[in-house]
Amino acid sequence: MAGQKLAIAVCGLHLTGQPLNSQLTALKSTLVRTCQSAPEYRLYAFTDASGKTKPGMVALPPGSSGGAAVHLEVWEMPLENFGSFMVQVPPPLGIGTVKLDDGSSVKGFICEGWVADACAAGASNIEDITHLGSWLAYLERQQQRQQ
């Protein structure tokens, strides 16, 4: 296990320059590349019980339409640090398999499907931001709205 690394795709608060990026760097993770997911995902902004807004990327069922590519960063983390990272990931987020636009797959942030269901049902604390293509574009839009 020593010396082995795990590739992890991030799409939100763990991106370079974002508030939780330090969780990756503190665990000796290194940025490998930026890329897009396969066009099989929906991206949501949701406000949790603490009042914090977070992104959640939900995979669509196989063969579904309406998905889009989402901006990602792929980081490499020493495998022995993965458990320490996982305990910091709160629901409805988790780590699962994320398909990339080049056809490969890595581990990465995913979100429980009920977030998409709640958004479709009109939940006021969840917004579908798939059309923006990235969490960073959402943050930029929010900043422009505040000016």
C-alpha atoms as a PDB file:
ATOM      1  CA  MET A   1       0.000   0.000   0.000  1.00  0.00           C
ATOM      2  CA  ALA A   2       2.854   2.419   0.724  1.00  0.00           C
ATOM      3  CA  GLY A   3       3.629   4.428  -2.369  1.00  0.00           C
ATOM      4  CA  GLN A   4       0.344   3.614  -4.119  1.00  0.00           C
ATOM      5  CA  LYS A   5      -1.828   6.517  -5.224  1.00  0.00           C
ATOM      6  CA  LEU A   6      -5.536   6.890  -5.873  1.00  0.00           C
ATOM      7  CA  ALA A   7      -6.893   9.286  -8.503  1.00  0.00           C
ATOM      8  CA  ILE A   8      -9.819  11.360  -7.191  1.00  0.00           C
ATOM      9  CA  ALA A   9     -11.996  13.691  -9.290  1.00  0.00           C
ATOM     10  CA  VAL A  10     -13.315  16.822  -7.573  1.00  0.00           C
ATOM     11  CA  CYS A  11     -15.884  19.285  -8.915  1.00  0.00           C
ATOM     12  CA  GLY A  12     -16.581  21.832  -6.190  1.00  0.00           C
ATOM     13  CA  LEU A  13     -15.274  22.928  -2.822  1.00  0.00           C
ATOM     14  CA  HIS A  14     -12.087  20.844  -3.223  1.00  0.00           C
ATOM     15  CA  LEU A  15     -11.052  22.532  -6.492  1.00  0.00           C
ATOM     16  CA  THR A  16      -7.860  24.594  -6.533  1.00  0.00           C
ATOM     17  CA  GLY A  17      -8.496  27.885  -4.720  1.00  0.00           C
ATOM     18  CA  GLN A  18     -11.703  26.689  -3.074  1.00  0.00           C
ATOM     19  CA  PRO A  19     -12.247  26.424   0.698  1.00  0.00           C
ATOM     20  CA  LEU A  20     -11.761  22.656   1.085  1.00  0.00           C
ATOM     21  CA  ASN A  21      -8.786  22.257  -1.260  1.00  0.00           C
ATOM     22  CA  SER A  22      -6.577  22.215   1.832  1.00  0.00           C
ATOM     23  CA  GLN A  23      -8.091  18.834   2.768  1.00  0.00           C
ATOM     24  CA  LEU A  24      -6.401  17.426  -0.329  1.00  0.00           C
ATOM     25  CA  THR A  25      -3.090  19.222   0.043  1.00  0.00           C
ATOM     26  CA  ALA A  26      -2.833  18.404   3.769  1.00  0.00           C
ATOM     27  CA  LEU A  27      -3.013  14.725   2.808  1.00  0.00           C
ATOM     28  CA  LYS A  28      -0.153  15.124   0.307  1.00  0.00           C
ATOM     29  CA  SER A  29      -2.393  14.992  -2.764  1.00  0.00           C
ATOM     30  CA  THR A  30      -1.192  16.519  -6.021  1.00  0.00           C
ATOM     31  CA  LEU A  31      -3.148  17.962  -8.930  1.00  0.00           C
ATOM     32  CA  VAL A  32      -2.766  15.757 -12.005  1.00  0.00           C
ATOM     33  CA  ARG A  33      -5.034  17.498 -14.528  1.00  0.00           C
ATOM     34  CA  THR A  34      -8.200  19.384 -15.249  1.00  0.00           C
ATOM     35  CA  CYS A  35     -10.783  17.756 -17.492  1.00  0.00           C
ATOM     36  CA  GLN A  36     -14.488  17.193 -18.003  1.00  0.00           C
ATOM     37  CA  SER A  37     -16.706  14.374 -16.880  1.00  0.00           C
ATOM     38  CA  ALA A  38     -18.432  12.261 -19.480  1.00  0.00           C
ATOM     39  CA  PRO A  39     -21.726  13.970 -20.466  1.00  0.00           C
ATOM     40  CA  GLU A  40     -23.716  11.717 -18.126  1.00  0.00           C
ATOM     41  CA  TYR A  41     -24.160  13.962 -15.087  1.00  0.00           C
ATOM     42  CA  ARG A  42     -26.326  16.722 -13.641  1.00  0.00           C
ATOM     43  CA  LEU A  43     -24.782  19.329 -11.329  1.00  0.00           C
ATOM     44  CA  TYR A  44     -26.723  20.828  -8.424  1.00  0.00           C
ATOM     45  CA  ALA A  45     -26.119  23.560  -5.872  1.00  0.00           C
ATOM     46  CA  PHE A  46     -27.758  22.662  -2.571  1.00  0.00           C
ATOM     47  CA  THR A  47     -27.891  24.366   0.792  1.00  0.00           C
ATOM     48  CA  ASP A  48     -27.351  21.963   3.678  1.00  0.00           C
ATOM     49  CA  ALA A  49     -28.790  22.127   7.198  1.00  0.00           C
ATOM     50  CA  SER A  50     -25.902  24.349   8.345  1.00  0.00           C
ATOM     51  CA  GLY A  51     -26.741  26.937   5.667  1.00  0.00           C
ATOM     52  CA  LYS A  52     -23.700  26.198   3.478  1.00  0.00           C
ATOM     53  CA  THR A  53     -24.171  25.883  -0.275  1.00  0.00           C
ATOM     54  CA  LYS A  54     -22.346  22.972  -1.874  1.00  0.00           C
ATOM     55  CA  PRO A  55     -22.225  21.302  -5.276  1.00  0.00           C
ATOM     56  CA  GLY A  56     -23.424  17.791  -5.955  1.00  0.00           C
ATOM     57  CA  MET A  57     -22.821  15.855  -9.171  1.00  0.00           C
ATOM     58  CA  VAL A  58     -25.442  13.172  -9.810  1.00  0.00           C
ATOM     59  CA  ALA A  59     -24.974  10.425 -12.409  1.00  0.00           C
ATOM     60  CA  LEU A  60     -27.893   9.783 -14.716  1.00  0.00           C
ATOM     61  CA  PRO A  61     -29.159   6.240 -15.249  1.00  0.00           C
ATOM     62  CA  PRO A  62     -27.467   4.468 -18.193  1.00  0.00           C
ATOM     63  CA  GLY A  63     -29.058   5.417 -21.493  1.00  0.00           C
ATOM     64  CA  SER A  64     -30.694   8.570 -20.098  1.00  0.00           C
ATOM     65  CA  SER A  65     -30.616  11.873 -21.921  1.00  0.00           C
ATOM     66  CA  GLY A  66     -30.191  15.308 -20.395  1.00  0.00           C
ATOM     67  CA  GLY A  67     -26.733  14.860 -18.980  1.00  0.00           C
ATOM     68  CA  ALA A  68     -23.818  17.197 -19.504  1.00  0.00           C
ATOM     69  CA  ALA A  69     -20.072  17.315 -18.984  1.00  0.00           C
ATOM     70  CA  VAL A  70     -18.921  18.900 -15.713  1.00  0.00           C
ATOM     71  CA  HIS A  71     -15.559  20.609 -15.103  1.00  0.00           C
ATOM     72  CA  LEU A  72     -13.306  18.490 -12.874  1.00  0.00           C
ATOM     73  CA  GLU A  73      -9.847  18.366 -11.394  1.00  0.00           C
ATOM     74  CA  VAL A  74      -8.188  14.992 -10.935  1.00  0.00           C
ATOM     75  CA  TRP A  75      -5.903  14.702  -7.917  1.00  0.00           C
ATOM     76  CA  GLU A  76      -3.637  11.851  -6.840  1.00  0.00           C
ATOM     77  CA  MET A  77      -3.747  10.972  -3.152  1.00  0.00           C
ATOM     78  CA  PRO A  78      -1.493   8.528  -1.322  1.00  0.00           C
ATOM     79  CA  LEU A  79      -3.689   5.478  -0.776  1.00  0.00           C
ATOM     80  CA  GLU A  80      -2.812   5.352   2.928  1.00  0.00           C
ATOM     81  CA  ASN A  81      -4.423   8.814   3.369  1.00  0.00           C
ATOM     82  CA  PHE A  82      -7.742   7.950   1.728  1.00  0.00           C
ATOM     83  CA  GLY A  83      -9.494   6.892   4.952  1.00  0.00           C
ATOM     84  CA  SER A  84      -8.596  10.197   6.613  1.00  0.00           C
ATOM     85  CA  PHE A  85     -10.072  11.988   3.610  1.00  0.00           C
ATOM     86  CA  MET A  86     -13.290   9.935   3.511  1.00  0.00           C
ATOM     87  CA  VAL A  87     -14.271  10.740   7.096  1.00  0.00           C
ATOM     88  CA  GLN A  88     -14.436  14.416   6.049  1.00  0.00           C
ATOM     89  CA  VAL A  89     -17.014  13.799   3.272  1.00  0.00           C
ATOM     90  CA  PRO A  90     -20.537  14.495   4.599  1.00  0.00           C
ATOM     91  CA  PRO A  91     -23.758  13.122   3.122  1.00  0.00           C
ATOM     92  CA  PRO A  92     -25.340  13.471   0.641  1.00  0.00           C
ATOM     93  CA  LEU A  93     -21.872  13.500  -0.912  1.00  0.00           C
ATOM     94  CA  GLY A  94     -19.739  10.424  -1.299  1.00  0.00           C
ATOM     95  CA  ILE A  95     -16.946   8.930  -3.341  1.00  0.00           C
ATOM     96  CA  GLY A  96     -17.846   6.678  -6.251  1.00  0.00           C
ATOM     97  CA  THR A  97     -16.789   5.994  -9.807  1.00  0.00           C
ATOM     98  CA  VAL A  98     -16.757   9.039 -12.110  1.00  0.00           C
ATOM     99  CA  LYS A  99     -16.554   8.651 -15.879  1.00  0.00           C
ATOM    100  CA  LEU A 100     -14.299  11.135 -17.660  1.00  0.00           C
ATOM    101  CA  ASP A 101     -14.697  12.610 -21.135  1.00  0.00           C
ATOM    102  CA  ASP A 102     -11.779  10.534 -22.450  1.00  0.00           C
ATOM    103  CA  GLY A 103     -13.610   7.288 -21.610  1.00  0.00           C
ATOM    104  CA  SER A 104     -11.586   6.494 -18.493  1.00  0.00           C
ATOM    105  CA  SER A 105     -12.973   6.289 -14.956  1.00  0.00           C
ATOM    106  CA  VAL A 106     -11.571   7.414 -11.614  1.00  0.00           C
ATOM    107  CA  LYS A 107     -12.876   7.643  -8.087  1.00  0.00           C
ATOM    108  CA  GLY A 108     -14.486  10.987  -7.371  1.00  0.00           C
ATOM    109  CA  PHE A 109     -17.186  13.010  -5.709  1.00  0.00           C
ATOM    110  CA  ILE A 110     -20.746  11.943  -6.393  1.00  0.00           C
ATOM    111  CA  CYS A 111     -24.034  12.978  -4.827  1.00  0.00           C
ATOM    112  CA  GLU A 112     -26.979  10.873  -3.710  1.00  0.00           C
ATOM    113  CA  GLY A 113     -29.805  10.788  -6.242  1.00  0.00           C
ATOM    114  CA  TRP A 114     -32.418  12.177  -3.866  1.00  0.00           C
ATOM    115  CA  VAL A 115     -30.876  15.629  -4.436  1.00  0.00           C
ATOM    116  CA  ALA A 116     -31.946  15.478  -8.099  1.00  0.00           C
ATOM    117  CA  ASP A 117     -35.371  14.156  -7.108  1.00  0.00           C
ATOM    118  CA  ALA A 118     -35.868  16.945  -4.566  1.00  0.00           C
ATOM    119  CA  CYS A 119     -34.823  19.563  -7.123  1.00  0.00           C
ATOM    120  CA  ALA A 120     -37.331  18.184  -9.648  1.00  0.00           C
ATOM    121  CA  ALA A 121     -39.998  18.308  -6.932  1.00  0.00           C
ATOM    122  CA  GLY A 122     -39.318  22.017  -6.384  1.00  0.00           C
ATOM    123  CA  ALA A 123     -37.161  22.026  -3.248  1.00  0.00           C
ATOM    124  CA  SER A 124     -36.214  25.629  -2.534  1.00  0.00           C
ATOM    125  CA  ASN A 125     -32.720  24.763  -1.256  1.00  0.00           C
ATOM    126  CA  ILE A 126     -31.566  22.966  -4.437  1.00  0.00           C
ATOM    127  CA  GLU A 127     -30.817  24.456  -7.862  1.00  0.00           C
ATOM    128  CA  ASP A 128     -29.935  22.588 -11.049  1.00  0.00           C
ATOM    129  CA  ILE A 129     -26.782  24.311 -12.320  1.00  0.00           C
ATOM    130  CA  THR A 130     -25.874  21.775 -14.999  1.00  0.00           C
ATOM    131  CA  HIS A 131     -26.235  24.380 -17.753  1.00  0.00           C
ATOM    132  CA  LEU A 132     -23.356  26.360 -16.202  1.00  0.00           C
ATOM    133  CA  GLY A 133     -20.942  23.445 -16.627  1.00  0.00           C
ATOM    134  CA  SER A 134     -19.007  23.995 -13.415  1.00  0.00           C
ATOM    135  CA  TRP A 135     -19.119  24.986  -9.777  1.00  0.00           C
ATOM    136  CA  LEU A 136     -16.763  27.882 -10.546  1.00  0.00           C
ATOM    137  CA  ALA A 137     -19.190  29.267 -13.159  1.00  0.00           C
ATOM    138  CA  TYR A 138     -21.961  29.058 -10.550  1.00  0.00           C
ATOM    139  CA  LEU A 139     -19.847  31.002  -8.037  1.00  0.00           C
ATOM    140  CA  GLU A 140     -19.079  33.633 -10.673  1.00  0.00           C
ATOM    141  CA  ARG A 141     -22.775  33.988 -11.475  1.00  0.00           C
ATOM    142  CA  GLN A 142     -23.628  34.346  -7.784  1.00  0.00           C
ATOM    143  CA  GLN A 143     -20.968  37.039  -7.391  1.00  0.00           C
ATOM    144  CA  GLN A 144     -22.338  38.961 -10.393  1.00  0.00           C
ATOM    145  CA  ARG A 145     -25.859  38.798  -8.942  1.00  0.00           C
ATOM    146  CA  GLN A 146     -24.619  40.361  -5.691  1.00  0.00           C
ATOM    147  CA  GLN A 147     -23.096  43.387  -7.444  1.00  0.00           C
END
